[in-house]
Protein backbone atom coordinates (compact mmCIF):
# COMPACT_ATOMS: atom_id res chain seq x y z
CA MET A 1 107.83 89.78 98.97
CA SER A 2 103.97 90.82 98.92
CA SER A 3 102.13 88.67 96.68
CA ALA A 4 100.03 91.82 96.27
CA LEU A 5 103.43 93.20 93.96
CA PRO A 6 104.08 92.28 90.60
CA LEU A 7 107.60 90.73 91.30
CA ALA A 8 109.12 90.20 87.95
CA LYS A 9 108.38 93.86 87.30
CA LEU A 10 109.94 95.03 90.00
CA ASP A 11 112.82 92.67 89.27
CA GLN A 12 113.34 94.13 86.10
CA LEU A 13 113.09 97.46 87.24
CA VAL A 14 116.09 96.83 89.82
CA ALA A 15 117.96 94.97 86.85
CA ARG A 16 117.67 98.56 84.22
CA HIS A 17 118.30 100.68 87.50
CA ALA A 18 121.56 98.78 87.75
CA GLU A 19 122.26 98.84 83.98
CA ILE A 20 121.70 102.21 83.68
CA GLU A 21 124.04 103.47 86.72
CA ALA A 22 126.85 101.46 85.18
CA ALA A 23 126.45 102.94 82.08
CA LEU A 24 126.46 106.34 83.41
CA ALA A 25 129.57 104.96 84.94
CA HIS A 26 131.17 104.13 81.87
CA GLY A 27 130.98 106.37 78.38
CA ALA A 28 127.32 107.20 78.31
CA GLU A 29 127.80 111.07 76.73
CA GLY A 30 125.77 113.96 75.47
CA ASP A 31 122.20 113.66 75.01
CA GLU A 32 122.43 110.10 76.36
CA TYR A 33 124.36 111.06 79.21
CA VAL A 34 120.98 113.20 79.88
CA ARG A 35 118.40 110.67 79.07
CA LEU A 36 119.92 108.03 80.84
CA GLY A 37 120.32 110.34 84.22
CA ARG A 38 116.51 111.25 83.86
CA GLU A 39 115.55 107.99 83.45
CA PHE A 40 117.81 106.74 86.61
CA ALA A 41 116.66 109.45 88.31
CA ASP A 42 113.07 108.22 87.64
CA LEU A 43 113.65 104.51 88.69
CA SER A 44 115.58 105.49 91.68
CA PRO A 45 113.14 105.79 94.37
CA VAL A 46 111.01 102.90 93.70
CA VAL A 47 114.32 100.78 93.70
CA GLU A 48 115.33 102.22 97.18
CA GLN A 49 111.85 101.31 98.37
CA VAL A 50 112.29 97.82 96.65
CA GLN A 51 115.59 97.22 98.73
CA ALA A 52 114.17 98.46 101.64
CA LEU A 53 111.41 96.40 101.63
CA LYS A 54 113.49 93.33 100.90
CA GLY A 55 115.87 94.37 103.92
CA ALA A 56 112.58 94.51 106.49
CA GLU A 57 111.55 91.23 104.86
CA ARG A 58 114.95 89.55 105.46
CA ASP A 59 115.38 90.92 108.89
CA LEU A 60 111.47 89.98 109.84
CA GLU A 61 112.50 86.53 109.07
CA GLY A 62 115.29 86.79 111.61
CA ALA A 63 112.99 87.84 114.20
CA ARG A 64 110.44 85.05 113.69
CA GLU A 65 113.35 82.25 113.44
CA LEU A 66 114.43 83.90 117.20
CA LEU A 67 111.14 83.97 118.19
CA ALA A 68 110.53 80.03 117.12
CA ASP A 69 113.97 79.06 118.64
CA ALA A 70 113.10 77.27 121.75
CA ALA A 71 116.50 77.78 123.08
CA SER A 72 115.78 81.50 123.20
CA ASP A 73 115.49 82.93 126.83
CA PRO A 74 112.27 85.09 127.57
CA GLU A 75 113.42 88.40 127.63
CA MET A 76 114.98 87.59 124.19
CA LYS A 77 111.81 85.88 122.80
CA ALA A 78 110.03 89.34 123.94
CA LEU A 79 112.25 91.51 122.01
CA ALA A 80 111.92 89.47 118.99
CA GLU A 81 108.18 89.65 119.38
CA SER A 82 108.36 93.43 119.76
CA GLU A 83 110.43 93.13 116.49
CA VAL A 84 108.16 91.47 114.37
CA GLU A 85 105.13 93.41 114.97
CA ARG A 86 107.11 96.34 114.17
CA LEU A 87 108.63 95.06 110.74
CA GLU A 88 105.34 93.76 109.73
CA ALA A 89 103.90 97.20 109.93
CA ARG A 90 106.85 98.57 108.16
CA ILE A 91 106.32 95.65 105.52
CA GLU A 92 102.81 96.92 105.10
CA GLU A 93 103.47 100.47 104.83
CA LEU A 94 106.52 99.76 102.43
CA THR A 95 104.65 97.57 100.03
CA HIS A 96 101.85 100.32 100.10
CA GLU A 97 104.29 102.72 98.85
CA VAL A 98 105.66 100.59 96.29
CA ARG A 99 102.43 100.16 94.72
CA LEU A 100 102.13 103.99 94.37
CA ALA A 101 105.94 104.51 92.87
CA LEU A 102 104.50 101.68 90.33
CA LEU A 103 101.22 103.75 89.42
CA PRO A 104 101.26 105.28 86.00
CA LYS A 105 102.93 108.87 85.73
CA ASP A 106 101.10 111.82 84.28
CA ALA A 107 103.75 112.91 81.79
CA MET A 108 103.09 116.38 82.92
CA ASP A 109 103.28 115.83 86.66
CA GLU A 110 107.41 117.37 86.86
CA ARG A 111 106.59 120.42 84.83
CA GLY A 112 105.81 124.12 85.54
CA VAL A 113 102.20 125.47 85.70
CA ILE A 114 100.42 128.35 83.89
CA LEU A 115 98.01 129.35 86.13
CA GLU A 116 94.77 131.66 85.29
CA VAL A 117 92.50 133.09 87.70
CA ARG A 118 89.52 134.91 86.90
CA ALA A 119 86.68 136.90 88.69
CA GLY A 120 83.29 135.64 88.72
CA THR A 121 79.92 136.38 90.00
CA GLY A 122 80.32 138.94 92.48
CA GLY A 123 81.36 142.15 91.08
CA ASP A 124 84.23 144.05 92.82
CA GLU A 125 84.30 141.55 95.15
CA ALA A 126 84.89 138.51 92.97
CA ALA A 127 88.02 140.77 91.49
CA LEU A 128 89.41 141.35 95.06
CA PHE A 129 88.68 137.36 95.87
CA ALA A 130 90.61 136.86 92.63
CA GLY A 131 93.39 138.81 93.79
CA ASP A 132 93.33 136.62 97.03
CA LEU A 133 93.41 133.55 95.34
CA TYR A 134 96.60 134.57 93.41
CA ARG A 135 98.48 135.89 96.39
CA MET A 136 97.82 132.61 98.13
CA TYR A 137 99.50 130.25 94.98
CA SER A 138 102.46 132.75 94.89
CA ARG A 139 102.66 132.62 98.32
CA TYR A 140 102.54 128.84 97.92
CA ALA A 141 105.12 128.76 95.03
CA ALA A 142 107.35 130.88 97.59
CA GLU A 143 106.72 127.82 100.04
CA HIS A 144 107.96 125.43 97.35
CA GLY A 145 110.94 127.33 95.81
CA TRP A 146 109.35 128.19 92.50
CA SER A 147 109.42 131.43 90.56
CA VAL A 148 106.53 133.04 89.25
CA GLU A 149 106.50 134.93 86.33
CA VAL A 150 103.36 137.68 85.53
CA LEU A 151 102.38 137.18 82.04
CA SER A 152 98.80 139.24 81.74
CA GLU A 153 96.56 140.96 84.42
CA SER A 154 93.46 142.99 84.34
CA GLU A 155 93.33 144.91 87.66
CA GLY A 156 89.78 145.13 89.23
CA THR A 157 88.57 148.59 89.94
CA MET A 158 88.61 148.48 93.49
CA GLY A 159 91.60 146.07 93.42
CA GLY A 160 92.19 142.58 92.89
CA TYR A 161 92.09 140.98 89.10
CA LYS A 162 89.38 140.77 86.92
CA GLU A 163 91.86 138.26 85.28
CA ILE A 164 95.47 137.25 85.80
CA VAL A 165 97.80 134.81 84.11
CA ALA A 166 100.96 133.58 85.41
CA ALA A 167 103.59 131.07 84.67
CA LEU A 168 105.02 129.25 88.30
CA HIS A 169 108.46 127.65 87.25
CA GLY A 170 109.64 124.86 89.60
CA ARG A 171 109.51 120.96 88.77
CA GLY A 172 106.44 119.07 89.92
CA ALA A 173 104.73 122.07 90.52
CA TYR A 174 101.92 120.62 88.34
CA ALA A 175 101.74 117.31 89.92
CA ARG A 176 101.08 119.62 93.37
CA LEU A 177 98.35 122.15 91.41
CA LYS A 178 96.76 119.85 89.00
CA PHE A 179 93.67 119.65 91.09
CA GLU A 180 93.19 123.29 92.07
CA SER A 181 91.17 124.06 88.75
CA GLY A 182 87.53 124.97 89.02
CA VAL A 183 85.54 127.42 90.84
CA HIS A 184 86.16 129.06 93.86
CA ARG A 185 83.80 130.18 96.23
CA VAL A 186 84.32 132.89 99.12
CA GLN A 187 81.65 133.76 101.82
CA ARG A 188 82.57 137.18 103.52
CA VAL A 189 81.24 140.85 104.66
CA PRO A 190 82.80 143.23 101.80
CA GLU A 191 84.83 146.12 103.20
CA THR A 192 82.03 148.49 101.94
CA GLU A 193 79.10 146.48 103.35
CA SER A 194 77.97 148.82 106.01
CA GLY A 195 74.74 146.20 107.10
CA GLY A 196 77.40 143.21 107.79
CA ARG A 197 75.79 140.96 105.33
CA ILE A 198 78.03 138.15 104.32
CA HIS A 199 78.02 138.02 100.47
CA THR A 200 78.84 135.07 98.31
CA SER A 201 80.98 135.59 95.51
CA ALA A 202 83.39 132.95 93.05
CA ALA A 203 86.59 133.12 90.79
CA THR A 204 87.60 130.23 88.34
CA VAL A 205 91.02 128.72 88.48
CA ALA A 206 92.56 126.98 85.44
CA VAL A 207 96.20 125.25 86.28
CA LEU A 208 97.63 124.33 82.65
CA PRO A 209 101.39 122.25 82.49
CA GLU A 210 103.83 124.51 81.07
CA ALA A 211 104.18 123.16 77.38
CA GLU A 212 107.49 122.37 75.59
CA ASP A 213 107.79 123.47 72.01
CA VAL A 214 108.03 119.46 71.04
CA ASP A 215 104.52 119.12 72.65
CA VAL A 216 102.37 121.21 70.30
CA ASP A 217 103.32 121.73 66.51
CA ILE A 218 102.04 125.17 65.73
CA ASN A 219 102.17 126.05 61.68
CA GLU A 220 102.97 130.25 61.57
CA ALA A 221 100.52 130.26 58.80
CA ASP A 222 97.74 129.55 61.46
CA LEU A 223 98.65 132.74 63.73
CA ARG A 224 97.26 136.25 63.77
CA ILE A 225 99.57 138.61 65.64
CA ASP A 226 98.19 141.76 66.74
CA VAL A 227 100.51 144.49 68.61
CA PHE A 228 98.98 147.11 70.60
CA ARG A 229 99.24 150.09 72.93
CA ALA A 230 99.70 148.59 76.67
CA GLN A 231 96.56 149.76 78.71
CA GLY A 232 96.51 150.27 82.80
CA ALA A 233 98.21 152.17 85.05
CA GLY A 234 101.98 152.30 85.18
CA GLY A 235 105.08 153.65 83.85
CA GLN A 236 105.42 156.02 80.64
CA HIS A 237 105.52 153.43 78.06
CA VAL A 238 101.69 152.77 78.89
CA ASN A 239 99.63 154.17 75.92
CA LYS A 240 102.87 155.18 74.23
CA THR A 241 104.59 152.00 72.78
CA GLU A 242 103.24 149.39 70.61
CA SER A 243 104.41 146.39 72.96
CA ALA A 244 101.30 144.72 73.90
CA VAL A 245 100.93 141.64 71.89
CA ARG A 246 97.69 139.73 71.19
CA ILE A 247 97.91 136.07 69.57
CA THR A 248 94.68 134.07 67.86
CA HIS A 249 95.13 130.59 66.87
CA LEU A 250 92.98 130.75 63.90
CA PRO A 251 91.83 126.62 63.75
CA THR A 252 90.82 126.89 67.31
CA ASN A 253 90.09 130.47 67.62
CA THR A 254 92.45 130.24 70.69
CA VAL A 255 93.26 134.10 71.92
CA VAL A 256 96.09 135.04 73.98
CA MET A 257 96.89 138.37 74.89
CA VAL A 258 100.50 139.54 77.01
CA GLN A 259 100.99 143.38 77.90
CA ASP A 260 103.25 143.24 80.74
CA GLU A 261 106.59 143.53 79.69
CA ARG A 262 107.85 146.88 77.78
CA SER A 263 109.76 144.57 75.01
CA GLN A 264 107.27 143.39 72.29
CA HIS A 265 109.62 140.40 71.69
CA ARG A 266 109.56 139.31 75.09
CA ASN A 267 105.69 139.53 74.88
CA LYS A 268 105.55 137.83 71.53
CA ALA A 269 107.55 134.98 73.48
CA ARG A 270 105.86 134.96 76.72
CA ALA A 271 102.07 134.71 74.21
CA MET A 272 103.77 131.74 72.46
CA ALA A 273 104.63 129.83 75.71
CA LEU A 274 100.74 130.46 76.90
CA LEU A 275 99.42 129.57 73.58
CA ARG A 276 100.88 126.40 73.60
CA SER A 277 99.95 125.50 77.03
CA ARG A 278 96.78 126.25 76.13
CA LEU A 279 96.72 124.17 73.23
CA LEU A 280 98.35 121.29 75.23
CA ASP A 281 95.51 121.62 77.47
CA GLU A 282 92.67 121.28 74.86
CA GLU A 283 94.34 118.25 73.57
CA ARG A 284 94.58 116.77 77.15
CA THR A 285 91.29 117.70 77.97
CA ARG A 286 89.82 115.90 74.68
CA ALA A 287 91.87 112.78 75.29
CA ALA A 288 90.90 112.37 79.08
CA ALA A 289 87.16 112.58 78.13
CA GLY A 290 87.03 109.81 75.80
CA ARG A 291 89.22 107.42 78.32
CA ALA A 292 86.24 106.16 81.00
CA ALA A 293 89.02 104.10 82.84
CA GLU A 294 91.32 107.30 83.44
CA ARG A 295 88.15 109.03 84.77
CA LYS A 296 88.43 106.71 87.56
CA GLY A 297 91.50 108.06 88.96
CA GLN A 298 90.31 111.62 88.88
CA VAL A 299 89.23 113.89 91.83
CA GLY A 300 86.14 115.41 90.39
CA SER A 301 85.34 115.49 86.98
CA GLY A 302 88.16 118.23 86.13
CA ASP A 303 85.45 120.19 84.93
CA ARG A 304 86.25 124.40 85.59
CA SER A 305 82.78 124.63 86.02
CA GLU A 306 83.04 122.69 88.97
CA ARG A 307 82.53 124.40 92.23
CA ILE A 308 85.68 122.70 94.05
CA ARG A 309 86.02 124.55 97.31
CA THR A 310 84.63 127.21 99.88
CA TYR A 311 86.60 129.75 101.66
CA ASN A 312 83.58 130.73 104.77
CA PHE A 313 85.15 134.27 106.33
CA PRO A 314 83.03 134.49 109.16
CA GLN A 315 83.89 130.98 110.35
CA GLY A 316 87.30 130.78 109.64
CA ARG A 317 86.97 127.94 107.18
CA VAL A 318 87.98 126.22 104.40
CA THR A 319 85.91 123.20 102.56
CA ASP A 320 86.95 121.36 99.41
CA HIS A 321 83.97 120.00 98.34
CA ARG A 322 85.21 116.88 96.30
CA ILE A 323 86.43 114.87 99.27
CA ASN A 324 84.20 116.46 101.80
CA LEU A 325 87.22 117.86 103.94
CA THR A 326 86.77 121.12 105.91
CA LEU A 327 90.05 123.08 107.74
CA TYR A 328 89.35 125.51 110.38
CA LYS A 329 92.84 127.24 109.09
CA LEU A 330 91.41 130.09 106.71
CA GLU A 331 94.20 132.18 107.59
CA GLU A 332 97.04 129.66 107.09
CA VAL A 333 95.37 128.55 103.98
CA MET A 334 95.41 131.84 102.55
CA ALA A 335 98.69 132.58 103.56
CA GLY A 336 100.22 129.29 101.24
CA THR A 337 101.30 127.80 104.49
CA ALA A 338 98.40 125.28 104.90
CA LEU A 339 97.37 124.70 101.62
CA ASP A 340 99.00 121.21 101.12
CA GLU A 341 97.02 119.67 104.07
CA ILE A 342 94.03 120.33 101.42
CA ILE A 343 96.46 119.06 98.34
CA ASN A 344 97.82 116.04 100.36
CA ALA A 345 94.24 114.95 101.08
CA LEU A 346 93.58 115.57 97.39
CA LEU A 347 96.60 113.32 96.26
CA THR A 348 95.87 110.79 98.55
CA GLU A 349 92.03 110.44 97.35
CA HIS A 350 93.62 110.20 93.94
CA HIS A 351 95.94 107.99 94.47
CA ALA A 352 93.29 105.83 96.38
CA ALA A 353 91.14 105.97 93.54
CA LEU A 354 94.13 104.58 91.06
CA LEU A 355 94.84 101.97 93.20
CA ALA A 356 91.49 101.01 93.21
CA ALA A 357 91.19 100.79 89.44
CA ALA A 358 94.42 98.87 89.26
CA ASP A 359 92.94 96.24 91.64
CA GLU A 360 89.77 95.92 89.27
CA ALA A 361 91.62 95.42 86.51
């Protein structure tokens, strides 16, 4: 097997995979069964790749023996030579895949996300753009089979949103969307612009991993909970029922508000979920800032004040400034169908940085 791989570690993973498989087949129950099932699912992809790599190496050895056999006729040697070339390329590809599978995983990657989109500079046009971004992510979520749940929203005077917060529920949502945090800039001619001049405005996106109860310990005594009447256009409950909930976490002065449901109880539950995600994100941000080695593996700085992408409508292009990628697929990106092309490029860059850091170590 390739010398670029930690062979002893791979043997341990394969042995552990077989051990768990036997335990699942012979009596593991309840919480233990669930725990082992998750570990088995995590190990299976890398074990399958290791087995495929070993199989390709065996095939390569056979093809080389055939090529070196003086008794082989020219036609068989030509076939063996072609097979050696194909298998060498396949082994290189599988070795790279195994190295990627061995990289440290972000414990939050499999989680859903809390998506926050806020209008920035640009007035009404910024609010309209914030609405466009939210629709882009909603469509992208639908493409991946994730559900979308609006937690709070504040509409712009001309449409769009001053702010919208939503939960995107789906396995692996955070892994796909975590590099979307930052300032998104738009260049286009507003509908209200009679002179045809291009305006520039911006919106800020924040992507937080969904927090579980065990992630953050919240003391009820540290909370101030206010209820008030929901505001904005809508049904008859507006301004009549005190269903909206605002929670302030006093030690950090973190404030969350949810008013989307008529039920005060449901709004409080949603607000607590949002608060946990905000506090978890703050904790993770502090920890990441103190780890220089981890920063090498990040795309950009992770700072939400960083301008990460420009959407130029007159030219039909989208540019991600962190990786100098430009796509002339603006409509498809905004529809959520081509957003994966940008996200995949960001992930490739991220993995390359992690591999480089691992090689240095």
